[in-house]
């Protein structure tokens, strides 16, 4: 594999009005990234669709924390480290797993080195043929859904509320409205950063993978997300996610979650057959 075969789409400080297709291996990817409504500062989220060759790619999102410009810097540094590590790593022959882990270690050192309290969450999917492997740090999330709505993969947020839901102490509705939902216990930019690496999952032809910052998961209930992305054209699903999240942020309604925030997500679906 050489860098000449690689195609990298990296999103930093974007304010997109609609989702767009991104080139990638073995399927279709749609990306969206926008600032919080009426926000004057930068979009602190970053994202990337990093295609290595016709069988392998990495999809990633990062949600910068700590306020501007610290958050934007942390997420951008992390995505830049990922891109460079994939370019260097695949030239030298190591696995994508090694390149991703190396990128996060380097990003962590660089973000800490800023000395301004910057941090970012991170989520990535390694794609090799029909196989996926998830990686995450913090509460940016990954969801894989079958055409009939079966949840095949859902990462657990590294947060007190996320762990409470997983252990059964809170249900999803309580978690959406919990006062401590914004607290995150694991970030890139922390001396004790922990990288969670999941097991490999084989994608079926009509499965859909979603990676998103908490701008999505704080404004849509899990059941809504599943219903939107599970079937139909990928571009249509992406447009509906963006529309509904933005509407919730702009117009809070009783009984619905609402948290203005930067929003970045990627959808991926393998080619049929």
C-alpha atoms as a PDB file:
ATOM      1  CA  UNK A   1       0.000   0.000   0.000  1.00  0.00           C
ATOM      2  CA  UNK A   2       1.334   3.418  -0.884  1.00  0.00           C
ATOM      3  CA  UNK A   3       0.238   6.965  -0.184  1.00  0.00           C
ATOM      4  CA  UNK A   4      -0.552   7.353  -3.891  1.00  0.00           C
ATOM      5  CA  UNK A   5      -3.440   4.917  -3.390  1.00  0.00           C
ATOM      6  CA  UNK A   6      -4.791   6.788  -0.390  1.00  0.00           C
ATOM      7  CA  UNK A   7      -7.624   9.315  -0.400  1.00  0.00           C
ATOM      8  CA  UNK A   8      -8.117  11.458   2.688  1.00  0.00           C
ATOM      9  CA  UNK A   9     -11.123  13.641   3.417  1.00  0.00           C
ATOM     10  CA  UNK A  10     -10.493  15.525   6.668  1.00  0.00           C
ATOM     11  CA  UNK A  11     -13.130  17.835   8.169  1.00  0.00           C
ATOM     12  CA  UNK A  12     -12.014  20.636  10.505  1.00  0.00           C
ATOM     13  CA  UNK A  13     -14.025  23.724  11.506  1.00  0.00           C
ATOM     14  CA  UNK A  14     -16.704  22.909   8.927  1.00  0.00           C
ATOM     15  CA  UNK A  15     -20.132  24.524   8.803  1.00  0.00           C
ATOM     16  CA  UNK A  16     -21.909  22.427   6.202  1.00  0.00           C
ATOM     17  CA  UNK A  17     -25.462  23.142   5.134  1.00  0.00           C
ATOM     18  CA  UNK A  18     -26.102  19.574   3.991  1.00  0.00           C
ATOM     19  CA  UNK A  19     -24.396  16.164   4.093  1.00  0.00           C
ATOM     20  CA  UNK A  20     -22.109  15.077   1.291  1.00  0.00           C
ATOM     21  CA  UNK A  21     -20.765  11.845  -0.136  1.00  0.00           C
ATOM     22  CA  UNK A  22     -17.159  10.912   0.614  1.00  0.00           C
ATOM     23  CA  UNK A  23     -14.957   8.529  -1.379  1.00  0.00           C
ATOM     24  CA  UNK A  24     -14.118   5.323   0.469  1.00  0.00           C
ATOM     25  CA  UNK A  25     -13.523   1.610  -0.020  1.00  0.00           C
ATOM     26  CA  UNK A  26     -16.141  -1.072  -0.519  1.00  0.00           C
ATOM     27  CA  UNK A  27     -19.214   1.050   0.083  1.00  0.00           C
ATOM     28  CA  UNK A  28     -20.708   4.512   0.462  1.00  0.00           C
ATOM     29  CA  UNK A  29     -19.934   7.091   3.119  1.00  0.00           C
ATOM     30  CA  UNK A  30     -21.793  10.313   3.864  1.00  0.00           C
ATOM     31  CA  UNK A  31     -20.396  13.028   6.125  1.00  0.00           C
ATOM     32  CA  UNK A  32     -21.840  16.041   7.918  1.00  0.00           C
ATOM     33  CA  UNK A  33     -20.218  18.613  10.201  1.00  0.00           C
ATOM     34  CA  UNK A  34     -21.608  21.971  11.345  1.00  0.00           C
ATOM     35  CA  UNK A  35     -21.253  24.493  14.144  1.00  0.00           C
ATOM     36  CA  UNK A  36     -23.880  24.745  16.839  1.00  0.00           C
ATOM     37  CA  UNK A  37     -26.732  27.065  15.786  1.00  0.00           C
ATOM     38  CA  UNK A  38     -25.875  30.766  16.197  1.00  0.00           C
ATOM     39  CA  UNK A  39     -22.349  29.936  17.381  1.00  0.00           C
ATOM     40  CA  UNK A  40     -19.708  32.609  16.717  1.00  0.00           C
ATOM     41  CA  UNK A  41     -16.629  30.502  17.474  1.00  0.00           C
ATOM     42  CA  UNK A  42     -15.144  27.609  15.505  1.00  0.00           C
ATOM     43  CA  UNK A  43     -16.653  24.181  15.102  1.00  0.00           C
ATOM     44  CA  UNK A  44     -14.605  22.202  17.646  1.00  0.00           C
ATOM     45  CA  UNK A  45     -15.432  18.861  15.995  1.00  0.00           C
ATOM     46  CA  UNK A  46     -13.262  17.172  13.370  1.00  0.00           C
ATOM     47  CA  UNK A  47     -13.863  14.148  11.192  1.00  0.00           C
ATOM     48  CA  UNK A  48     -12.198  12.041   8.567  1.00  0.00           C
ATOM     49  CA  UNK A  49     -12.776   9.446   5.876  1.00  0.00           C
ATOM     50  CA  UNK A  50      -9.297   8.052   5.265  1.00  0.00           C
ATOM     51  CA  UNK A  51      -9.247   5.493   2.466  1.00  0.00           C
ATOM     52  CA  UNK A  52      -6.045   3.469   2.366  1.00  0.00           C
ATOM     53  CA  UNK A  53      -6.777   1.218  -0.633  1.00  0.00           C
ATOM     54  CA  UNK A  54      -9.742  -0.524  -2.244  1.00  0.00           C
ATOM     55  CA  UNK A  55     -10.225  -2.810   0.801  1.00  0.00           C
ATOM     56  CA  UNK A  56      -9.183  -0.728   3.801  1.00  0.00           C
ATOM     57  CA  UNK A  57     -10.174   2.593   5.325  1.00  0.00           C
ATOM     58  CA  UNK A  58     -10.570   4.386   8.642  1.00  0.00           C
ATOM     59  CA  UNK A  59     -13.568   6.570   9.503  1.00  0.00           C
ATOM     60  CA  UNK A  60     -13.219   8.861  12.514  1.00  0.00           C
ATOM     61  CA  UNK A  61     -14.752  11.739  14.472  1.00  0.00           C
ATOM     62  CA  UNK A  62     -13.292  13.850  17.279  1.00  0.00           C
ATOM     63  CA  UNK A  63     -15.149  16.253  19.572  1.00  0.00           C
ATOM     64  CA  UNK A  64     -12.908  18.990  20.967  1.00  0.00           C
ATOM     65  CA  UNK A  65     -13.472  20.069  24.558  1.00  0.00           C
ATOM     66  CA  UNK A  66     -12.302  22.906  26.729  1.00  0.00           C
ATOM     67  CA  UNK A  67     -13.660  25.883  24.819  1.00  0.00           C
ATOM     68  CA  UNK A  68     -12.297  27.748  21.832  1.00  0.00           C
ATOM     69  CA  UNK A  69      -9.610  27.571  20.554  1.00  0.00           C
ATOM     70  CA  UNK A  70      -8.486  24.665  22.752  1.00  0.00           C
ATOM     71  CA  UNK A  71     -11.158  22.200  21.646  1.00  0.00           C
ATOM     72  CA  UNK A  72     -10.754  22.881  17.950  1.00  0.00           C
ATOM     73  CA  UNK A  73      -6.979  22.507  18.272  1.00  0.00           C
ATOM     74  CA  UNK A  74      -7.256  19.184  20.123  1.00  0.00           C
ATOM     75  CA  UNK A  75      -9.633  17.589  17.617  1.00  0.00           C
ATOM     76  CA  UNK A  76      -7.657  18.885  14.627  1.00  0.00           C
ATOM     77  CA  UNK A  77      -4.363  17.609  16.054  1.00  0.00           C
ATOM     78  CA  UNK A  78      -5.889  14.180  16.653  1.00  0.00           C
ATOM     79  CA  UNK A  79      -7.227  13.907  13.109  1.00  0.00           C
ATOM     80  CA  UNK A  80      -3.909  15.132  11.684  1.00  0.00           C
ATOM     81  CA  UNK A  81      -2.005  12.515  13.708  1.00  0.00           C
ATOM     82  CA  UNK A  82      -4.372   9.823  12.437  1.00  0.00           C
ATOM     83  CA  UNK A  83      -3.909  10.827   8.797  1.00  0.00           C
ATOM     84  CA  UNK A  84      -0.110  10.953   9.067  1.00  0.00           C
ATOM     85  CA  UNK A  85       0.100   7.687  11.004  1.00  0.00           C
ATOM     86  CA  UNK A  86      -1.965   5.868   8.386  1.00  0.00           C
ATOM     87  CA  UNK A  87       0.215   7.236   5.585  1.00  0.00           C
ATOM     88  CA  UNK A  88       3.453   6.267   7.328  1.00  0.00           C
ATOM     89  CA  UNK A  89       2.204   3.026   8.834  1.00  0.00           C
ATOM     90  CA  UNK A  90       0.778   1.484   5.701  1.00  0.00           C
ATOM     91  CA  UNK A  91       3.938   2.328   3.765  1.00  0.00           C
ATOM     92  CA  UNK A  92       5.977   0.380   6.315  1.00  0.00           C
ATOM     93  CA  UNK A  93       3.590  -2.557   6.526  1.00  0.00           C
ATOM     94  CA  UNK A  94       2.088  -2.550  10.065  1.00  0.00           C
ATOM     95  CA  UNK A  95      -1.604  -3.154  10.612  1.00  0.00           C
ATOM     96  CA  UNK A  96      -4.211  -0.418  10.667  1.00  0.00           C
ATOM     97  CA  UNK A  97      -4.673  -1.209  14.346  1.00  0.00           C
ATOM     98  CA  UNK A  98      -1.075  -0.291  15.094  1.00  0.00           C
ATOM     99  CA  UNK A  99      -1.311   2.895  13.059  1.00  0.00           C
ATOM    100  CA  UNK A 100      -4.480   4.005  14.871  1.00  0.00           C
ATOM    101  CA  UNK A 101      -3.065   3.299  18.333  1.00  0.00           C
ATOM    102  CA  UNK A 102       0.189   5.078  17.462  1.00  0.00           C
ATOM    103  CA  UNK A 103      -1.801   8.081  16.207  1.00  0.00           C
ATOM    104  CA  UNK A 104      -3.738   8.372  19.449  1.00  0.00           C
ATOM    105  CA  UNK A 105      -0.594   8.124  21.563  1.00  0.00           C
ATOM    106  CA  UNK A 106       1.063  10.885  19.533  1.00  0.00           C
ATOM    107  CA  UNK A 107      -2.060  13.020  19.599  1.00  0.00           C
ATOM    108  CA  UNK A 108      -2.326  12.632  23.365  1.00  0.00           C
ATOM    109  CA  UNK A 109       1.266  13.826  23.813  1.00  0.00           C
ATOM    110  CA  UNK A 110       0.743  16.786  21.483  1.00  0.00           C
ATOM    111  CA  UNK A 111      -2.542  17.877  23.059  1.00  0.00           C
ATOM    112  CA  UNK A 112      -1.092  17.673  26.576  1.00  0.00           C
ATOM    113  CA  UNK A 113       1.899  19.605  25.270  1.00  0.00           C
ATOM    114  CA  UNK A 114      -0.300  22.556  24.321  1.00  0.00           C
ATOM    115  CA  UNK A 115      -0.450  23.324  28.039  1.00  0.00           C
ATOM    116  CA  UNK A 116      -3.879  24.977  27.810  1.00  0.00           C
ATOM    117  CA  UNK A 117      -6.135  22.245  29.167  1.00  0.00           C
ATOM    118  CA  UNK A 118      -7.257  21.107  25.724  1.00  0.00           C
ATOM    119  CA  UNK A 119      -8.885  17.704  25.217  1.00  0.00           C
ATOM    120  CA  UNK A 120     -10.968  15.821  22.704  1.00  0.00           C
ATOM    121  CA  UNK A 121     -13.028  12.670  22.490  1.00  0.00           C
ATOM    122  CA  UNK A 122     -12.443  10.275  19.582  1.00  0.00           C
ATOM    123  CA  UNK A 123     -14.198   7.416  17.793  1.00  0.00           C
ATOM    124  CA  UNK A 124     -13.017   5.454  14.771  1.00  0.00           C
ATOM    125  CA  UNK A 125     -13.925   2.451  12.672  1.00  0.00           C
ATOM    126  CA  UNK A 126     -11.245   0.397  10.961  1.00  0.00           C
ATOM    127  CA  UNK A 127     -12.699  -1.142   7.793  1.00  0.00           C
ATOM    128  CA  UNK A 128     -11.045  -4.118   6.108  1.00  0.00           C
ATOM    129  CA  UNK A 129     -13.292  -5.623   3.458  1.00  0.00           C
ATOM    130  CA  UNK A 130     -16.576  -6.368   5.241  1.00  0.00           C
ATOM    131  CA  UNK A 131     -14.968  -6.400   8.701  1.00  0.00           C
ATOM    132  CA  UNK A 132     -15.139  -3.484  11.154  1.00  0.00           C
ATOM    133  CA  UNK A 133     -13.210  -2.847  14.347  1.00  0.00           C
ATOM    134  CA  UNK A 134     -14.220   0.062  16.650  1.00  0.00           C
ATOM    135  CA  UNK A 135     -11.929   2.311  18.691  1.00  0.00           C
ATOM    136  CA  UNK A 136     -13.026   5.075  21.054  1.00  0.00           C
ATOM    137  CA  UNK A 137     -11.922   7.479  23.750  1.00  0.00           C
ATOM    138  CA  UNK A 138     -14.660   9.396  25.576  1.00  0.00           C
ATOM    139  CA  UNK A 139     -18.299   9.796  24.567  1.00  0.00           C
ATOM    140  CA  UNK A 140     -18.192  10.158  20.801  1.00  0.00           C
ATOM    141  CA  UNK A 141     -20.061   7.049  19.745  1.00  0.00           C
ATOM    142  CA  UNK A 142     -20.316   4.240  17.209  1.00  0.00           C
ATOM    143  CA  UNK A 143     -23.512   2.427  16.268  1.00  0.00           C
ATOM    144  CA  UNK A 144     -23.982  -0.407  13.757  1.00  0.00           C
ATOM    145  CA  UNK A 145     -27.565  -1.222  12.799  1.00  0.00           C
ATOM    146  CA  UNK A 146     -29.094  -3.935  10.621  1.00  0.00           C
ATOM    147  CA  UNK A 147     -31.753  -3.192   8.020  1.00  0.00           C
ATOM    148  CA  UNK A 148     -34.512  -4.388  10.360  1.00  0.00           C
ATOM    149  CA  UNK A 149     -33.268  -2.239  13.224  1.00  0.00           C
ATOM    150  CA  UNK A 150     -31.163  -4.755  15.141  1.00  0.00           C
ATOM    151  CA  UNK A 151     -28.338  -2.995  17.000  1.00  0.00           C
ATOM    152  CA  UNK A 152     -25.205  -5.026  16.245  1.00  0.00           C
ATOM    153  CA  UNK A 153     -22.696  -2.688  17.893  1.00  0.00           C
ATOM    154  CA  UNK A 154     -23.031   0.246  20.281  1.00  0.00           C
ATOM    155  CA  UNK A 155     -20.061   1.702  22.123  1.00  0.00           C
ATOM    156  CA  UNK A 156     -20.370   2.607  25.806  1.00  0.00           C
ATOM    157  CA  UNK A 157     -19.568   6.268  26.531  1.00  0.00           C
ATOM    158  CA  UNK A 158     -16.635   6.779  28.864  1.00  0.00           C
ATOM    159  CA  UNK A 159     -18.657   8.840  31.303  1.00  0.00           C
ATOM    160  CA  UNK A 160     -20.413   8.366  34.649  1.00  0.00           C
ATOM    161  CA  UNK A 161     -23.808   8.469  32.951  1.00  0.00           C
ATOM    162  CA  UNK A 162     -22.697   6.067  30.214  1.00  0.00           C
ATOM    163  CA  UNK A 163     -21.496   3.528  32.758  1.00  0.00           C
ATOM    164  CA  UNK A 164     -24.699   3.949  34.789  1.00  0.00           C
ATOM    165  CA  UNK A 165     -26.813   3.081  31.741  1.00  0.00           C
ATOM    166  CA  UNK A 166     -24.641   0.054  30.954  1.00  0.00           C
ATOM    167  CA  UNK A 167     -24.951  -1.217  34.526  1.00  0.00           C
ATOM    168  CA  UNK A 168     -28.737  -0.708  34.593  1.00  0.00           C
ATOM    169  CA  UNK A 169     -28.730   2.103  37.173  1.00  0.00           C
ATOM    170  CA  UNK A 170     -30.229   4.536  34.629  1.00  0.00           C
ATOM    171  CA  UNK A 171     -32.465   3.972  31.639  1.00  0.00           C
ATOM    172  CA  UNK A 172     -31.942   5.751  28.321  1.00  0.00           C
ATOM    173  CA  UNK A 173     -34.615   8.375  29.026  1.00  0.00           C
ATOM    174  CA  UNK A 174     -33.141   9.255  32.417  1.00  0.00           C
ATOM    175  CA  UNK A 175     -29.672   9.428  30.878  1.00  0.00           C
ATOM    176  CA  UNK A 176     -30.761  11.861  28.152  1.00  0.00           C
ATOM    177  CA  UNK A 177     -31.908  14.380  30.764  1.00  0.00           C
ATOM    178  CA  UNK A 178     -29.331  13.749  33.499  1.00  0.00           C
ATOM    179  CA  UNK A 179     -27.540  16.812  34.920  1.00  0.00           C
ATOM    180  CA  UNK A 180     -24.142  15.095  34.637  1.00  0.00           C
ATOM    181  CA  UNK A 181     -24.548  13.847  31.063  1.00  0.00           C
ATOM    182  CA  UNK A 182     -21.880  16.302  29.869  1.00  0.00           C
ATOM    183  CA  UNK A 183     -19.166  14.867  32.158  1.00  0.00           C
ATOM    184  CA  UNK A 184     -16.554  12.733  30.366  1.00  0.00           C
ATOM    185  CA  UNK A 185     -14.074  10.523  32.214  1.00  0.00           C
ATOM    186  CA  UNK A 186     -11.623   9.680  29.393  1.00  0.00           C
ATOM    187  CA  UNK A 187     -10.148  11.990  26.748  1.00  0.00           C
ATOM    188  CA  UNK A 188      -7.274  12.503  24.349  1.00  0.00           C
ATOM    189  CA  UNK A 189      -5.292  15.124  26.255  1.00  0.00           C
ATOM    190  CA  UNK A 190      -5.254  13.270  29.564  1.00  0.00           C
ATOM    191  CA  UNK A 191      -2.185  11.623  31.169  1.00  0.00           C
ATOM    192  CA  UNK A 192      -4.262   8.505  31.865  1.00  0.00           C
ATOM    193  CA  UNK A 193      -6.005   8.262  28.475  1.00  0.00           C
ATOM    194  CA  UNK A 194      -7.440   4.803  27.803  1.00  0.00           C
ATOM    195  CA  UNK A 195      -8.117   3.545  24.273  1.00  0.00           C
ATOM    196  CA  UNK A 196     -10.988   1.059  24.039  1.00  0.00           C
ATOM    197  CA  UNK A 197     -10.591  -1.365  21.131  1.00  0.00           C
ATOM    198  CA  UNK A 198     -13.566  -3.510  20.233  1.00  0.00           C
ATOM    199  CA  UNK A 199     -13.885  -6.923  18.624  1.00  0.00           C
ATOM    200  CA  UNK A 200     -14.121  -7.365  14.870  1.00  0.00           C
ATOM    201  CA  UNK A 201     -17.648  -7.312  13.426  1.00  0.00           C
ATOM    202  CA  UNK A 202     -18.584  -8.628   9.984  1.00  0.00           C
ATOM    203  CA  UNK A 203     -20.950  -6.261   8.174  1.00  0.00           C
ATOM    204  CA  UNK A 204     -23.912  -7.644   6.269  1.00  0.00           C
ATOM    205  CA  UNK A 205     -24.774  -6.090   2.926  1.00  0.00           C
ATOM    206  CA  UNK A 206     -27.451  -3.711   4.260  1.00  0.00           C
ATOM    207  CA  UNK A 207     -25.959  -2.852   7.636  1.00  0.00           C
ATOM    208  CA  UNK A 208     -25.321   0.816   8.418  1.00  0.00           C
ATOM    209  CA  UNK A 209     -22.495   2.146  10.577  1.00  0.00           C
ATOM    210  CA  UNK A 210     -22.733   5.533  12.297  1.00  0.00           C
ATOM    211  CA  UNK A 211     -19.970   7.502  14.026  1.00  0.00           C
ATOM    212  CA  UNK A 212     -21.004  10.721  15.750  1.00  0.00           C
ATOM    213  CA  UNK A 213     -20.062  13.335  18.302  1.00  0.00           C
ATOM    214  CA  UNK A 214     -22.410  13.982  21.204  1.00  0.00           C
ATOM    215  CA  UNK A 215     -24.096  16.750  19.235  1.00  0.00           C
ATOM    216  CA  UNK A 216     -26.111  13.906  17.742  1.00  0.00           C
ATOM    217  CA  UNK A 217     -26.497  11.599  20.735  1.00  0.00           C
ATOM    218  CA  UNK A 218     -27.522  14.455  23.065  1.00  0.00           C
ATOM    219  CA  UNK A 219     -30.367  15.513  20.771  1.00  0.00           C
ATOM    220  CA  UNK A 220     -31.830  12.251  19.451  1.00  0.00           C
ATOM    221  CA  UNK A 221     -33.029   9.258  21.425  1.00  0.00           C
ATOM    222  CA  UNK A 222     -31.319   5.954  20.512  1.00  0.00           C
ATOM    223  CA  UNK A 223     -34.521   4.555  19.035  1.00  0.00           C
ATOM    224  CA  UNK A 224     -34.889   7.584  16.769  1.00  0.00           C
ATOM    225  CA  UNK A 225     -31.348   7.192  15.482  1.00  0.00           C
ATOM    226  CA  UNK A 226     -31.850   3.504  14.726  1.00  0.00           C
ATOM    227  CA  UNK A 227     -35.117   4.130  12.880  1.00  0.00           C
ATOM    228  CA  UNK A 228     -33.605   6.909  10.755  1.00  0.00           C
ATOM    229  CA  UNK A 229     -30.427   5.108   9.663  1.00  0.00           C
ATOM    230  CA  UNK A 230     -31.516   1.476   9.361  1.00  0.00           C
ATOM    231  CA  UNK A 231     -32.963   1.613   5.820  1.00  0.00           C
ATOM    232  CA  UNK A 232     -33.484   3.808   2.794  1.00  0.00           C
ATOM    233  CA  UNK A 233     -30.906   5.869   0.878  1.00  0.00           C
ATOM    234  CA  UNK A 234     -27.859   6.805   2.960  1.00  0.00           C
ATOM    235  CA  UNK A 235     -27.973  10.450   1.863  1.00  0.00           C
ATOM    236  CA  UNK A 236     -31.612  10.680   2.940  1.00  0.00           C
ATOM    237  CA  UNK A 237     -30.805   9.242   6.368  1.00  0.00           C
ATOM    238  CA  UNK A 238     -27.945  11.705   6.824  1.00  0.00           C
ATOM    239  CA  UNK A 239     -30.118  14.653   5.827  1.00  0.00           C
ATOM    240  CA  UNK A 240     -32.809  13.603   8.318  1.00  0.00           C
ATOM    241  CA  UNK A 241     -30.283  13.223  11.150  1.00  0.00           C
ATOM    242  CA  UNK A 242     -28.908  16.695  10.461  1.00  0.00           C
ATOM    243  CA  UNK A 243     -32.360  18.265  10.109  1.00  0.00           C
ATOM    244  CA  UNK A 244     -33.806  16.727  13.251  1.00  0.00           C
ATOM    245  CA  UNK A 245     -30.741  17.485  15.407  1.00  0.00           C
ATOM    246  CA  UNK A 246     -30.649  21.099  14.264  1.00  0.00           C
ATOM    247  CA  UNK A 247     -34.378  21.481  14.892  1.00  0.00           C
ATOM    248  CA  UNK A 248     -34.015  20.122  18.429  1.00  0.00           C
ATOM    249  CA  UNK A 249     -31.130  22.483  19.134  1.00  0.00           C
ATOM    250  CA  UNK A 250     -32.993  25.531  17.826  1.00  0.00           C
ATOM    251  CA  UNK A 251     -36.481  24.798  19.156  1.00  0.00           C
ATOM    252  CA  UNK A 252     -36.561  22.929  22.493  1.00  0.00           C
ATOM    253  CA  UNK A 253     -39.806  21.040  23.071  1.00  0.00           C
ATOM    254  CA  UNK A 254     -41.225  19.424  26.167  1.00  0.00           C
ATOM    255  CA  UNK A 255     -40.285  15.769  26.385  1.00  0.00           C
ATOM    256  CA  UNK A 256     -37.505  15.955  23.769  1.00  0.00           C
ATOM    257  CA  UNK A 257     -33.781  16.298  24.412  1.00  0.00           C
ATOM    258  CA  UNK A 258     -32.195  19.597  23.368  1.00  0.00           C
ATOM    259  CA  UNK A 259     -28.555  20.633  23.697  1.00  0.00           C
ATOM    260  CA  UNK A 260     -27.024  23.153  21.260  1.00  0.00           C
ATOM    261  CA  UNK A 261     -23.635  21.792  20.246  1.00  0.00           C
ATOM    262  CA  UNK A 262     -21.352  21.258  17.292  1.00  0.00           C
ATOM    263  CA  UNK A 263     -22.535  18.264  15.257  1.00  0.00           C
ATOM    264  CA  UNK A 264     -20.421  15.849  13.256  1.00  0.00           C
ATOM    265  CA  UNK A 265     -21.355  12.386  12.008  1.00  0.00           C
ATOM    266  CA  UNK A 266     -20.389   9.844   9.355  1.00  0.00           C
ATOM    267  CA  UNK A 267     -22.598   7.136   7.893  1.00  0.00           C
ATOM    268  CA  UNK A 268     -21.199   4.108   6.081  1.00  0.00           C
ATOM    269  CA  UNK A 269     -22.931   1.271   4.274  1.00  0.00           C
ATOM    270  CA  UNK A 270     -21.167  -1.522   2.329  1.00  0.00           C
ATOM    271  CA  UNK A 271     -21.903  -2.114  -1.325  1.00  0.00           C
ATOM    272  CA  UNK A 272     -24.718  -4.617  -1.900  1.00  0.00           C
ATOM    273  CA  UNK A 273     -23.658  -8.057  -2.992  1.00  0.00           C
END
